[in-house]
Amino acid sequence: MAEKPKNLNAWDALQQLSDGNQRFVNNVRSLDTLLTSAQREVLTTGQNPFAIILGCSDSRVPAELVFDQGFGSLFVIRVAGNVVSPSQIGSVEFAATQYNTRLVVVMGHTHCGAVYATLDVLRSKSQAPSRGLSSIVERISPAIAELMETPLRDKPDELIRHAVRSNIRASVSHLKHGSRILEQLVDDDNLLIVGAEYSLETGLVDFFDLPVQS
């Protein structure tokens, strides 16, 4: 059996993402992100991503650009509303076990269309227009339904901000507690699963609810 590739520990990987995002905000690009023909040839034989990103499909939030990373650096899973279903769990399991990647980031973003759509369904007490859209709304709804029972329901700007973060936290929880493989890696092998929010306004990524670094 081939030896698993060595990789960054979770905290070093998180720092690398943070540094890359700061370059992105400052409109500076690392030369390491520029793909040469030689690098492309090397990547045909394998990959060694240092972080797994479960992000939203929104066209304004491409993870490789947001974190100023090049080919082969990130294992990116994108789905509307950064929701977690069995296929997303399986994709994270695959990357964490196959590539020894020790950081998983669930990245939502401000003004998320999927969250807005879910709020509209909850307000109108209607159904999404298709089975596919319903599957996304149904996964987001539990995270934000309680917010609709608070005074936030009359403050749309505050409501969407809280709803986006609540949805991110729910997806983080689903990954942490919806897979025996991931639970074991968190407990025994220093896998870190964290939430983050990308700001469409500033370009900054805010990693929040981080555990105390051991």
N, C-alpha and C. Protein backbone atom coordinates (compact mmCIF):
# COMPACT_ATOMS: atom_id res chain seq x y z
N MET A 1 0.85 -1.20 0.00
CA MET A 1 0.00 0.00 0.00
C MET A 1 0.88 1.25 0.00
N ALA A 2 0.54 2.19 -0.85
CA ALA A 2 1.33 3.43 -0.93
C ALA A 2 1.21 4.24 0.35
N GLU A 3 2.31 4.86 0.74
CA GLU A 3 2.30 5.69 1.94
C GLU A 3 1.51 6.96 1.70
N LYS A 4 0.72 7.34 2.69
CA LYS A 4 -0.07 8.57 2.55
C LYS A 4 0.87 9.77 2.47
N PRO A 5 0.51 10.78 1.67
CA PRO A 5 1.37 11.96 1.57
C PRO A 5 1.37 12.76 2.88
N LYS A 6 2.51 13.35 3.18
CA LYS A 6 2.57 14.24 4.33
C LYS A 6 1.88 15.54 3.96
N ASN A 7 1.34 16.21 4.97
CA ASN A 7 0.61 17.44 4.69
C ASN A 7 0.76 18.39 5.86
N LEU A 8 0.32 19.62 5.65
CA LEU A 8 0.36 20.61 6.72
C LEU A 8 -0.58 20.20 7.85
N ASN A 9 -0.20 20.56 9.08
CA ASN A 9 -1.19 20.38 10.16
C ASN A 9 -2.28 21.42 9.99
N ALA A 10 -3.39 21.22 10.70
CA ALA A 10 -4.57 22.05 10.47
C ALA A 10 -4.30 23.54 10.70
N TRP A 11 -3.57 23.85 11.75
CA TRP A 11 -3.37 25.27 12.08
C TRP A 11 -2.44 25.95 11.09
N ASP A 12 -1.41 25.23 10.62
CA ASP A 12 -0.55 25.81 9.59
C ASP A 12 -1.31 25.99 8.29
N ALA A 13 -2.19 25.04 7.99
CA ALA A 13 -3.02 25.16 6.78
C ALA A 13 -3.95 26.37 6.90
N LEU A 14 -4.51 26.56 8.08
CA LEU A 14 -5.40 27.71 8.30
C LEU A 14 -4.63 29.02 8.12
N GLN A 15 -3.41 29.06 8.60
CA GLN A 15 -2.59 30.26 8.44
C GLN A 15 -2.28 30.51 6.97
N GLN A 16 -2.04 29.44 6.22
CA GLN A 16 -1.75 29.60 4.80
C GLN A 16 -2.96 30.15 4.05
N LEU A 17 -4.15 29.69 4.43
CA LEU A 17 -5.37 30.24 3.81
C LEU A 17 -5.53 31.71 4.17
N SER A 18 -5.31 32.03 5.44
CA SER A 18 -5.46 33.41 5.90
C SER A 18 -4.48 34.34 5.18
N ASP A 19 -3.24 33.89 5.04
CA ASP A 19 -2.24 34.69 4.34
C ASP A 19 -2.63 34.89 2.88
N GLY A 20 -3.12 33.83 2.26
CA GLY A 20 -3.54 33.93 0.87
C GLY A 20 -4.71 34.88 0.69
N ASN A 21 -5.65 34.85 1.63
CA ASN A 21 -6.79 35.76 1.55
C ASN A 21 -6.34 37.21 1.71
N GLN A 22 -5.35 37.43 2.56
CA GLN A 22 -4.86 38.80 2.72
C GLN A 22 -4.21 39.30 1.43
N ARG A 23 -3.50 38.40 0.74
CA ARG A 23 -2.94 38.79 -0.56
C ARG A 23 -4.06 39.14 -1.54
N PHE A 24 -5.11 38.33 -1.54
CA PHE A 24 -6.25 38.58 -2.42
C PHE A 24 -6.87 39.95 -2.14
N VAL A 25 -7.08 40.25 -0.88
CA VAL A 25 -7.66 41.54 -0.50
C VAL A 25 -6.76 42.69 -0.95
N ASN A 26 -5.46 42.48 -0.85
CA ASN A 26 -4.49 43.52 -1.22
C ASN A 26 -4.19 43.54 -2.72
N ASN A 27 -4.91 42.69 -3.48
CA ASN A 27 -4.73 42.62 -4.93
C ASN A 27 -3.30 42.23 -5.31
N VAL A 28 -2.74 41.31 -4.53
CA VAL A 28 -1.40 40.78 -4.79
C VAL A 28 -1.55 39.29 -5.02
N ARG A 29 -0.85 38.77 -6.03
CA ARG A 29 -0.94 37.35 -6.32
C ARG A 29 0.42 36.69 -6.18
N SER A 30 0.45 35.56 -5.50
CA SER A 30 1.69 34.82 -5.33
C SER A 30 2.10 34.18 -6.65
N LEU A 31 3.40 34.16 -6.92
CA LEU A 31 3.89 33.51 -8.12
C LEU A 31 3.65 32.00 -8.08
N ASP A 32 3.47 31.46 -6.87
CA ASP A 32 3.23 30.02 -6.73
C ASP A 32 1.89 29.59 -7.33
N THR A 33 0.99 30.55 -7.53
CA THR A 33 -0.32 30.19 -8.09
C THR A 33 -0.30 30.09 -9.61
N LEU A 34 0.79 30.52 -10.23
CA LEU A 34 0.88 30.49 -11.69
C LEU A 34 1.31 29.09 -12.13
N LEU A 35 0.50 28.46 -12.93
CA LEU A 35 0.76 27.08 -13.34
C LEU A 35 1.67 27.04 -14.56
N THR A 36 2.74 26.28 -14.43
CA THR A 36 3.64 26.06 -15.56
C THR A 36 3.36 24.68 -16.15
N SER A 37 3.87 24.44 -17.34
CA SER A 37 3.68 23.12 -17.96
C SER A 37 4.32 22.03 -17.12
N ALA A 38 5.45 22.33 -16.49
CA ALA A 38 6.12 21.34 -15.64
C ALA A 38 5.26 20.99 -14.43
N GLN A 39 4.66 22.00 -13.80
CA GLN A 39 3.79 21.75 -12.65
C GLN A 39 2.56 20.96 -13.05
N ARG A 40 2.02 21.27 -14.20
CA ARG A 40 0.84 20.54 -14.68
C ARG A 40 1.17 19.07 -14.91
N GLU A 41 2.36 18.81 -15.42
CA GLU A 41 2.78 17.43 -15.64
C GLU A 41 2.93 16.68 -14.33
N VAL A 42 3.49 17.34 -13.32
CA VAL A 42 3.64 16.72 -12.01
C VAL A 42 2.27 16.36 -11.42
N LEU A 43 1.30 17.23 -11.61
CA LEU A 43 -0.03 17.03 -11.02
C LEU A 43 -0.81 15.91 -11.70
N THR A 44 -0.36 15.47 -12.86
CA THR A 44 -1.05 14.34 -13.49
C THR A 44 -0.83 13.05 -12.72
N THR A 45 0.20 12.99 -11.91
CA THR A 45 0.51 11.76 -11.17
C THR A 45 -0.10 11.74 -9.78
N GLY A 46 -0.69 12.83 -9.34
CA GLY A 46 -1.31 12.85 -8.01
C GLY A 46 -1.50 14.27 -7.51
N GLN A 47 -2.12 14.36 -6.35
CA GLN A 47 -2.37 15.66 -5.73
C GLN A 47 -2.16 15.56 -4.23
N ASN A 48 -1.96 16.71 -3.61
CA ASN A 48 -1.74 16.76 -2.16
C ASN A 48 -2.34 18.05 -1.60
N PRO A 49 -3.66 18.22 -1.68
CA PRO A 49 -4.29 19.46 -1.21
C PRO A 49 -4.11 19.64 0.29
N PHE A 50 -3.79 20.86 0.71
CA PHE A 50 -3.54 21.08 2.14
C PHE A 50 -4.81 21.48 2.89
N ALA A 51 -5.89 21.77 2.17
CA ALA A 51 -7.15 22.13 2.83
C ALA A 51 -8.33 21.68 1.97
N ILE A 52 -9.41 21.34 2.66
CA ILE A 52 -10.67 20.98 2.01
C ILE A 52 -11.63 22.15 2.22
N ILE A 53 -12.21 22.65 1.16
CA ILE A 53 -13.14 23.77 1.25
C ILE A 53 -14.52 23.31 0.79
N LEU A 54 -15.49 23.36 1.68
CA LEU A 54 -16.88 23.15 1.30
C LEU A 54 -17.52 24.53 1.20
N GLY A 55 -17.74 24.99 -0.01
CA GLY A 55 -18.22 26.35 -0.20
C GLY A 55 -19.48 26.41 -1.02
N CYS A 56 -20.00 27.61 -1.14
CA CYS A 56 -21.20 27.85 -1.93
C CYS A 56 -20.84 27.92 -3.42
N SER A 57 -21.79 27.55 -4.26
CA SER A 57 -21.57 27.57 -5.71
C SER A 57 -21.60 28.97 -6.30
N ASP A 58 -21.91 29.97 -5.51
CA ASP A 58 -22.01 31.35 -5.99
C ASP A 58 -20.79 31.72 -6.82
N SER A 59 -21.02 32.27 -8.01
CA SER A 59 -19.94 32.59 -8.94
C SER A 59 -18.98 33.64 -8.42
N ARG A 60 -19.40 34.35 -7.37
CA ARG A 60 -18.55 35.43 -6.83
C ARG A 60 -17.61 34.95 -5.74
N VAL A 61 -17.61 33.63 -5.46
CA VAL A 61 -16.82 33.14 -4.34
C VAL A 61 -15.98 31.92 -4.76
N PRO A 62 -15.09 32.09 -5.75
CA PRO A 62 -14.22 30.97 -6.13
C PRO A 62 -13.09 30.80 -5.10
N ALA A 63 -13.05 29.66 -4.46
CA ALA A 63 -12.13 29.48 -3.32
C ALA A 63 -10.67 29.67 -3.70
N GLU A 64 -10.27 29.15 -4.86
CA GLU A 64 -8.85 29.26 -5.23
C GLU A 64 -8.43 30.72 -5.36
N LEU A 65 -9.31 31.56 -5.89
CA LEU A 65 -8.97 32.98 -6.02
C LEU A 65 -9.03 33.69 -4.68
N VAL A 66 -10.07 33.41 -3.91
CA VAL A 66 -10.26 34.06 -2.61
C VAL A 66 -9.08 33.80 -1.69
N PHE A 67 -8.48 32.60 -1.79
CA PHE A 67 -7.35 32.26 -0.93
C PHE A 67 -6.01 32.32 -1.66
N ASP A 68 -6.02 32.82 -2.89
CA ASP A 68 -4.80 32.95 -3.69
C ASP A 68 -3.99 31.66 -3.69
N GLN A 69 -4.64 30.60 -4.13
CA GLN A 69 -3.99 29.30 -4.21
C GLN A 69 -4.02 28.79 -5.65
N GLY A 70 -3.05 27.97 -5.97
CA GLY A 70 -2.93 27.46 -7.33
C GLY A 70 -3.46 26.05 -7.48
N PHE A 71 -3.18 25.46 -8.62
CA PHE A 71 -3.61 24.10 -8.93
C PHE A 71 -3.06 23.13 -7.89
N GLY A 72 -3.90 22.20 -7.46
CA GLY A 72 -3.44 21.14 -6.57
C GLY A 72 -3.38 21.50 -5.11
N SER A 73 -3.71 22.73 -4.74
CA SER A 73 -3.57 23.16 -3.35
C SER A 73 -4.82 22.92 -2.51
N LEU A 74 -5.99 23.04 -3.13
CA LEU A 74 -7.25 22.94 -2.39
C LEU A 74 -8.15 21.86 -3.00
N PHE A 75 -8.83 21.14 -2.12
CA PHE A 75 -9.86 20.19 -2.55
C PHE A 75 -11.19 20.89 -2.31
N VAL A 76 -11.82 21.33 -3.39
CA VAL A 76 -12.98 22.23 -3.29
C VAL A 76 -14.27 21.50 -3.64
N ILE A 77 -15.25 21.63 -2.75
CA ILE A 77 -16.59 21.07 -2.96
C ILE A 77 -17.54 22.26 -2.94
N ARG A 78 -18.31 22.45 -4.00
CA ARG A 78 -19.19 23.61 -4.06
C ARG A 78 -20.62 23.17 -4.28
N VAL A 79 -21.51 23.74 -3.50
CA VAL A 79 -22.93 23.44 -3.61
C VAL A 79 -23.69 24.66 -3.12
N ALA A 80 -24.83 24.95 -3.73
CA ALA A 80 -25.61 26.12 -3.34
C ALA A 80 -25.92 26.08 -1.85
N GLY A 81 -25.62 27.17 -1.17
CA GLY A 81 -25.90 27.27 0.25
C GLY A 81 -24.93 26.53 1.15
N ASN A 82 -23.80 26.05 0.56
CA ASN A 82 -22.80 25.27 1.32
C ASN A 82 -23.47 24.28 2.28
N VAL A 83 -24.49 23.58 1.76
CA VAL A 83 -25.21 22.60 2.57
C VAL A 83 -24.46 21.28 2.58
N VAL A 84 -24.81 20.44 3.54
CA VAL A 84 -24.16 19.14 3.68
C VAL A 84 -25.18 18.03 3.45
N SER A 85 -24.92 17.23 2.44
CA SER A 85 -25.71 16.03 2.15
C SER A 85 -24.74 14.85 2.13
N PRO A 86 -25.23 13.62 1.98
CA PRO A 86 -24.31 12.48 1.98
C PRO A 86 -23.16 12.59 0.98
N SER A 87 -23.42 13.14 -0.19
CA SER A 87 -22.34 13.25 -1.18
C SER A 87 -21.26 14.22 -0.73
N GLN A 88 -21.65 15.30 -0.05
CA GLN A 88 -20.64 16.23 0.46
C GLN A 88 -19.83 15.58 1.59
N ILE A 89 -20.50 14.85 2.47
CA ILE A 89 -19.79 14.14 3.54
C ILE A 89 -18.80 13.15 2.93
N GLY A 90 -19.26 12.40 1.95
CA GLY A 90 -18.37 11.43 1.31
C GLY A 90 -17.17 12.08 0.65
N SER A 91 -17.38 13.24 0.04
CA SER A 91 -16.27 13.94 -0.60
C SER A 91 -15.23 14.39 0.42
N VAL A 92 -15.70 14.90 1.57
CA VAL A 92 -14.78 15.31 2.63
C VAL A 92 -14.05 14.10 3.19
N GLU A 93 -14.78 13.02 3.43
CA GLU A 93 -14.15 11.78 3.91
C GLU A 93 -13.06 11.33 2.96
N PHE A 94 -13.36 11.37 1.67
CA PHE A 94 -12.40 10.93 0.66
C PHE A 94 -11.11 11.73 0.74
N ALA A 95 -11.23 13.05 0.73
CA ALA A 95 -10.03 13.89 0.73
C ALA A 95 -9.25 13.76 2.04
N ALA A 96 -9.96 13.69 3.15
CA ALA A 96 -9.28 13.62 4.45
C ALA A 96 -8.51 12.32 4.62
N THR A 97 -9.07 11.23 4.11
CA THR A 97 -8.41 9.94 4.26
C THR A 97 -7.41 9.67 3.14
N GLN A 98 -7.74 10.05 1.92
CA GLN A 98 -6.88 9.76 0.78
C GLN A 98 -5.64 10.64 0.75
N TYR A 99 -5.79 11.91 1.11
CA TYR A 99 -4.69 12.87 0.97
C TYR A 99 -4.13 13.35 2.31
N ASN A 100 -4.67 12.80 3.40
CA ASN A 100 -4.19 13.18 4.74
C ASN A 100 -4.37 14.67 5.00
N THR A 101 -5.38 15.26 4.39
CA THR A 101 -5.66 16.68 4.57
C THR A 101 -6.32 16.87 5.93
N ARG A 102 -5.81 17.83 6.72
CA ARG A 102 -6.24 17.95 8.10
C ARG A 102 -7.03 19.20 8.41
N LEU A 103 -7.40 19.97 7.39
CA LEU A 103 -8.24 21.15 7.61
C LEU A 103 -9.43 21.11 6.67
N VAL A 104 -10.62 21.27 7.26
CA VAL A 104 -11.85 21.39 6.49
C VAL A 104 -12.48 22.74 6.82
N VAL A 105 -12.76 23.53 5.82
CA VAL A 105 -13.40 24.84 6.01
C VAL A 105 -14.75 24.85 5.31
N VAL A 106 -15.79 25.13 6.07
CA VAL A 106 -17.12 25.37 5.49
C VAL A 106 -17.23 26.88 5.28
N MET A 107 -17.26 27.32 4.03
CA MET A 107 -17.23 28.76 3.75
C MET A 107 -18.53 29.22 3.11
N GLY A 108 -19.30 29.99 3.87
CA GLY A 108 -20.45 30.68 3.33
C GLY A 108 -20.06 32.09 2.95
N HIS A 109 -21.03 32.91 2.62
CA HIS A 109 -20.72 34.27 2.22
C HIS A 109 -21.90 35.19 2.48
N THR A 110 -21.61 36.47 2.58
CA THR A 110 -22.66 37.46 2.79
C THR A 110 -23.62 37.45 1.60
N HIS A 111 -24.88 37.80 1.88
CA HIS A 111 -25.91 37.90 0.83
C HIS A 111 -26.08 36.59 0.05
N CYS A 112 -26.09 35.48 0.76
CA CYS A 112 -26.20 34.17 0.11
C CYS A 112 -27.60 33.98 -0.47
N GLY A 113 -27.69 33.73 -1.77
CA GLY A 113 -28.98 33.59 -2.44
C GLY A 113 -29.78 32.41 -1.93
N ALA A 114 -29.10 31.32 -1.60
CA ALA A 114 -29.81 30.14 -1.09
C ALA A 114 -30.44 30.41 0.26
N VAL A 115 -29.76 31.20 1.08
CA VAL A 115 -30.32 31.56 2.39
C VAL A 115 -31.50 32.52 2.20
N TYR A 116 -31.36 33.49 1.30
CA TYR A 116 -32.48 34.38 0.99
C TYR A 116 -33.70 33.58 0.53
N ALA A 117 -33.47 32.61 -0.35
CA ALA A 117 -34.57 31.80 -0.87
C ALA A 117 -35.26 31.03 0.24
N THR A 118 -34.46 30.52 1.17
CA THR A 118 -35.02 29.76 2.29
C THR A 118 -35.84 30.67 3.20
N LEU A 119 -35.35 31.87 3.43
CA LEU A 119 -36.11 32.83 4.24
C LEU A 119 -37.44 33.16 3.56
N ASP A 120 -37.43 33.31 2.24
CA ASP A 120 -38.67 33.59 1.52
C ASP A 120 -39.68 32.46 1.68
N VAL A 121 -39.21 31.22 1.60
CA VAL A 121 -40.10 30.07 1.76
C VAL A 121 -40.67 30.04 3.18
N LEU A 122 -39.83 30.32 4.18
CA LEU A 122 -40.30 30.31 5.56
C LEU A 122 -41.31 31.43 5.81
N ARG A 123 -41.07 32.59 5.22
CA ARG A 123 -42.01 33.71 5.40
C ARG A 123 -43.36 33.41 4.78
N SER A 124 -43.34 32.87 3.58
CA SER A 124 -44.58 32.64 2.85
C SER A 124 -45.25 31.32 3.19
N LYS A 125 -44.49 30.47 3.94
CA LYS A 125 -44.98 29.13 4.29
C LYS A 125 -45.40 28.37 3.04
N SER A 126 -44.59 28.55 2.00
CA SER A 126 -44.85 27.87 0.73
C SER A 126 -43.81 26.78 0.52
N GLN A 127 -43.78 26.24 -0.68
CA GLN A 127 -42.79 25.23 -1.02
C GLN A 127 -41.90 25.76 -2.13
N ALA A 128 -40.67 25.24 -2.15
CA ALA A 128 -39.77 25.59 -3.24
C ALA A 128 -40.34 25.04 -4.55
N PRO A 129 -40.01 25.67 -5.68
CA PRO A 129 -40.65 25.31 -6.95
C PRO A 129 -40.23 23.98 -7.56
N SER A 130 -39.25 23.29 -6.98
CA SER A 130 -38.86 22.00 -7.54
C SER A 130 -38.31 21.11 -6.43
N ARG A 131 -38.24 19.82 -6.71
CA ARG A 131 -37.71 18.88 -5.71
C ARG A 131 -36.25 19.17 -5.42
N GLY A 132 -35.50 19.52 -6.47
CA GLY A 132 -34.09 19.82 -6.26
C GLY A 132 -33.88 21.03 -5.37
N LEU A 133 -34.63 22.11 -5.64
CA LEU A 133 -34.52 23.30 -4.80
C LEU A 133 -35.02 23.01 -3.38
N SER A 134 -36.04 22.20 -3.28
CA SER A 134 -36.56 21.84 -1.95
C SER A 134 -35.49 21.15 -1.10
N SER A 135 -34.66 20.33 -1.76
CA SER A 135 -33.63 19.60 -1.00
C SER A 135 -32.62 20.56 -0.38
N ILE A 136 -32.37 21.69 -1.05
CA ILE A 136 -31.46 22.69 -0.49
C ILE A 136 -32.16 23.47 0.62
N VAL A 137 -33.37 23.94 0.34
CA VAL A 137 -34.14 24.70 1.33
C VAL A 137 -34.35 23.89 2.61
N GLU A 138 -34.65 22.61 2.44
CA GLU A 138 -34.91 21.76 3.61
C GLU A 138 -33.66 21.57 4.47
N ARG A 139 -32.48 21.66 3.86
CA ARG A 139 -31.25 21.52 4.63
C ARG A 139 -30.86 22.83 5.32
N ILE A 140 -31.31 23.95 4.77
CA ILE A 140 -30.98 25.24 5.39
C ILE A 140 -32.02 25.62 6.44
N SER A 141 -33.25 25.26 6.23
CA SER A 141 -34.36 25.71 7.09
C SER A 141 -34.14 25.48 8.58
N PRO A 142 -33.72 24.29 9.02
CA PRO A 142 -33.60 24.07 10.47
C PRO A 142 -32.61 25.04 11.14
N ALA A 143 -31.62 25.47 10.39
CA ALA A 143 -30.61 26.36 10.97
C ALA A 143 -31.12 27.77 11.19
N ILE A 144 -32.16 28.17 10.44
CA ILE A 144 -32.59 29.57 10.52
C ILE A 144 -34.04 29.75 10.93
N ALA A 145 -34.78 28.65 11.04
CA ALA A 145 -36.21 28.78 11.38
C ALA A 145 -36.41 29.47 12.72
N GLU A 146 -35.55 29.16 13.70
CA GLU A 146 -35.70 29.78 15.01
C GLU A 146 -35.50 31.29 14.96
N LEU A 147 -34.67 31.75 14.02
CA LEU A 147 -34.45 33.19 13.91
C LEU A 147 -35.73 33.92 13.51
N MET A 148 -36.60 33.21 12.78
CA MET A 148 -37.85 33.83 12.35
C MET A 148 -38.82 34.03 13.50
N GLU A 149 -38.54 33.42 14.64
CA GLU A 149 -39.39 33.57 15.81
C GLU A 149 -38.84 34.62 16.77
N THR A 150 -37.84 35.35 16.37
CA THR A 150 -37.23 36.38 17.20
C THR A 150 -37.49 37.76 16.58
N PRO A 151 -37.16 38.84 17.28
CA PRO A 151 -37.32 40.18 16.70
C PRO A 151 -36.54 40.41 15.42
N LEU A 152 -35.58 39.52 15.12
CA LEU A 152 -34.81 39.66 13.88
C LEU A 152 -35.69 39.57 12.64
N ARG A 153 -36.85 38.94 12.76
CA ARG A 153 -37.71 38.77 11.58
C ARG A 153 -38.15 40.11 11.00
N ASP A 154 -38.12 41.16 11.82
CA ASP A 154 -38.51 42.49 11.36
C ASP A 154 -37.31 43.37 11.02
N LYS A 155 -36.10 42.75 11.02
CA LYS A 155 -34.88 43.49 10.70
C LYS A 155 -34.14 42.72 9.61
N PRO A 156 -34.53 42.89 8.35
CA PRO A 156 -34.03 42.03 7.27
C PRO A 156 -32.51 42.00 7.13
N ASP A 157 -31.84 43.13 7.32
CA ASP A 157 -30.38 43.14 7.17
C ASP A 157 -29.71 42.31 8.25
N GLU A 158 -30.18 42.48 9.49
CA GLU A 158 -29.62 41.70 10.58
C GLU A 158 -29.99 40.23 10.45
N LEU A 159 -31.20 39.98 9.98
CA LEU A 159 -31.67 38.61 9.85
C LEU A 159 -30.79 37.82 8.89
N ILE A 160 -30.49 38.39 7.72
CA ILE A 160 -29.69 37.65 6.75
C ILE A 160 -28.28 37.42 7.28
N ARG A 161 -27.73 38.39 8.00
CA ARG A 161 -26.38 38.20 8.55
C ARG A 161 -26.35 37.04 9.54
N HIS A 162 -27.33 37.01 10.43
CA HIS A 162 -27.39 35.92 11.41
C HIS A 162 -27.71 34.59 10.73
N ALA A 163 -28.57 34.63 9.73
CA ALA A 163 -28.97 33.40 9.05
C ALA A 163 -27.80 32.76 8.31
N VAL A 164 -26.99 33.56 7.67
CA VAL A 164 -25.83 33.03 6.95
C VAL A 164 -24.89 32.31 7.92
N ARG A 165 -24.61 32.95 9.04
CA ARG A 165 -23.71 32.32 10.01
C ARG A 165 -24.33 31.08 10.64
N SER A 166 -25.61 31.14 10.91
CA SER A 166 -26.29 29.98 11.48
C SER A 166 -26.22 28.80 10.53
N ASN A 167 -26.39 29.06 9.25
CA ASN A 167 -26.32 27.99 8.25
C ASN A 167 -24.91 27.41 8.16
N ILE A 168 -23.90 28.26 8.24
CA ILE A 168 -22.52 27.77 8.23
C ILE A 168 -22.27 26.88 9.44
N ARG A 169 -22.71 27.35 10.61
CA ARG A 169 -22.51 26.55 11.84
C ARG A 169 -23.21 25.20 11.72
N ALA A 170 -24.39 25.18 11.12
CA ALA A 170 -25.11 23.91 10.96
C ALA A 170 -24.34 22.95 10.08
N SER A 171 -23.75 23.45 9.00
CA SER A 171 -22.98 22.59 8.11
C SER A 171 -21.73 22.06 8.80
N VAL A 172 -21.08 22.90 9.58
CA VAL A 172 -19.92 22.45 10.36
C VAL A 172 -20.33 21.32 11.30
N SER A 173 -21.45 21.50 11.98
CA SER A 173 -21.94 20.49 12.91
C SER A 173 -22.28 19.19 12.19
N HIS A 174 -22.88 19.29 11.00
CA HIS A 174 -23.23 18.09 10.24
C HIS A 174 -21.99 17.30 9.86
N LEU A 175 -20.92 18.00 9.50
CA LEU A 175 -19.68 17.30 9.17
C LEU A 175 -19.05 16.68 10.40
N LYS A 176 -19.08 17.40 11.50
CA LYS A 176 -18.45 16.90 12.73
C LYS A 176 -19.18 15.68 13.30
N HIS A 177 -20.50 15.66 13.14
CA HIS A 177 -21.28 14.63 13.82
C HIS A 177 -22.05 13.72 12.87
N GLY A 178 -21.85 13.88 11.56
CA GLY A 178 -22.59 13.06 10.60
C GLY A 178 -21.76 11.99 9.95
N SER A 179 -20.54 11.80 10.45
CA SER A 179 -19.65 10.81 9.85
C SER A 179 -18.75 10.21 10.92
N ARG A 180 -18.78 8.90 11.05
CA ARG A 180 -17.90 8.24 12.02
C ARG A 180 -16.44 8.42 11.64
N ILE A 181 -16.18 8.42 10.34
CA ILE A 181 -14.81 8.61 9.88
C ILE A 181 -14.28 9.97 10.30
N LEU A 182 -15.07 11.02 10.04
CA LEU A 182 -14.62 12.37 10.38
C LEU A 182 -14.56 12.56 11.89
N GLU A 183 -15.51 12.01 12.62
CA GLU A 183 -15.46 12.09 14.08
C GLU A 183 -14.17 11.49 14.61
N GLN A 184 -13.80 10.34 14.07
CA GLN A 184 -12.58 9.68 14.54
C GLN A 184 -11.34 10.49 14.19
N LEU A 185 -11.32 11.08 12.99
CA LEU A 185 -10.18 11.90 12.60
C LEU A 185 -10.07 13.15 13.47
N VAL A 186 -11.21 13.73 13.84
CA VAL A 186 -11.19 14.89 14.75
C VAL A 186 -10.65 14.48 16.11
N ASP A 187 -11.12 13.35 16.62
CA ASP A 187 -10.74 12.92 17.97
C ASP A 187 -9.31 12.41 18.04
N ASP A 188 -8.88 11.70 17.01
CA ASP A 188 -7.61 10.96 17.11
C ASP A 188 -6.50 11.44 16.20
N ASP A 189 -6.82 12.25 15.20
CA ASP A 189 -5.79 12.57 14.21
C ASP A 189 -5.76 14.05 13.83
N ASN A 190 -6.24 14.90 14.74
CA ASN A 190 -6.06 16.36 14.61
C ASN A 190 -6.74 16.97 13.38
N LEU A 191 -7.82 16.36 12.92
CA LEU A 191 -8.60 17.00 11.87
C LEU A 191 -9.35 18.19 12.48
N LEU A 192 -9.31 19.32 11.80
CA LEU A 192 -10.00 20.53 12.26
C LEU A 192 -11.06 20.90 11.23
N ILE A 193 -12.30 21.06 11.71
CA ILE A 193 -13.41 21.48 10.85
C ILE A 193 -13.91 22.82 11.37
N VAL A 194 -13.83 23.85 10.55
CA VAL A 194 -14.17 25.21 10.99
C VAL A 194 -15.10 25.89 10.00
N GLY A 195 -15.77 26.92 10.49
CA GLY A 195 -16.64 27.73 9.65
C GLY A 195 -15.97 29.04 9.27
N ALA A 196 -16.36 29.58 8.12
CA ALA A 196 -15.81 30.85 7.66
C ALA A 196 -16.86 31.57 6.83
N GLU A 197 -16.78 32.87 6.84
CA GLU A 197 -17.70 33.69 6.04
C GLU A 197 -16.90 34.64 5.16
N TYR A 198 -17.16 34.58 3.87
CA TYR A 198 -16.53 35.49 2.92
C TYR A 198 -17.41 36.71 2.74
N SER A 199 -16.78 37.88 2.79
CA SER A 199 -17.52 39.13 2.60
C SER A 199 -17.43 39.57 1.14
N LEU A 200 -18.59 39.62 0.49
CA LEU A 200 -18.62 40.11 -0.88
C LEU A 200 -18.17 41.56 -0.95
N GLU A 201 -18.39 42.29 0.13
CA GLU A 201 -18.07 43.72 0.14
C GLU A 201 -16.57 43.98 0.25
N THR A 202 -15.87 43.23 1.09
CA THR A 202 -14.46 43.52 1.37
C THR A 202 -13.50 42.49 0.81
N GLY A 203 -13.99 41.28 0.51
CA GLY A 203 -13.10 40.22 0.07
C GLY A 203 -12.46 39.44 1.20
N LEU A 204 -12.70 39.87 2.43
CA LEU A 204 -12.10 39.20 3.59
C LEU A 204 -12.86 37.94 3.95
N VAL A 205 -12.13 36.93 4.41
CA VAL A 205 -12.71 35.72 4.96
C VAL A 205 -12.53 35.74 6.47
N ASP A 206 -13.62 35.60 7.19
CA ASP A 206 -13.60 35.59 8.65
C ASP A 206 -13.79 34.15 9.12
N PHE A 207 -12.74 33.57 9.71
CA PHE A 207 -12.83 32.26 10.32
C PHE A 207 -13.36 32.46 11.74
N PHE A 208 -14.50 31.86 12.06
CA PHE A 208 -15.11 32.15 13.36
C PHE A 208 -15.37 30.87 14.15
N ASP A 209 -15.64 31.06 15.44
CA ASP A 209 -15.88 29.95 16.37
C ASP A 209 -14.72 28.96 16.38
N LEU A 210 -13.50 29.48 16.26
CA LEU A 210 -12.33 28.60 16.25
C LEU A 210 -12.10 28.02 17.65
N PRO A 211 -11.71 26.76 17.74
CA PRO A 211 -11.38 26.20 19.05
C PRO A 211 -10.04 26.77 19.53
N VAL A 212 -9.77 26.62 20.81
CA VAL A 212 -8.49 27.05 21.34
C VAL A 212 -7.40 26.14 20.79
N GLN A 213 -6.36 26.74 20.26
CA GLN A 213 -5.29 25.95 19.67
C GLN A 213 -4.52 25.20 20.74
N SER A 214 -4.38 23.91 20.56
CA SER A 214 -3.65 23.10 21.55
C SER A 214 -2.19 23.00 21.20
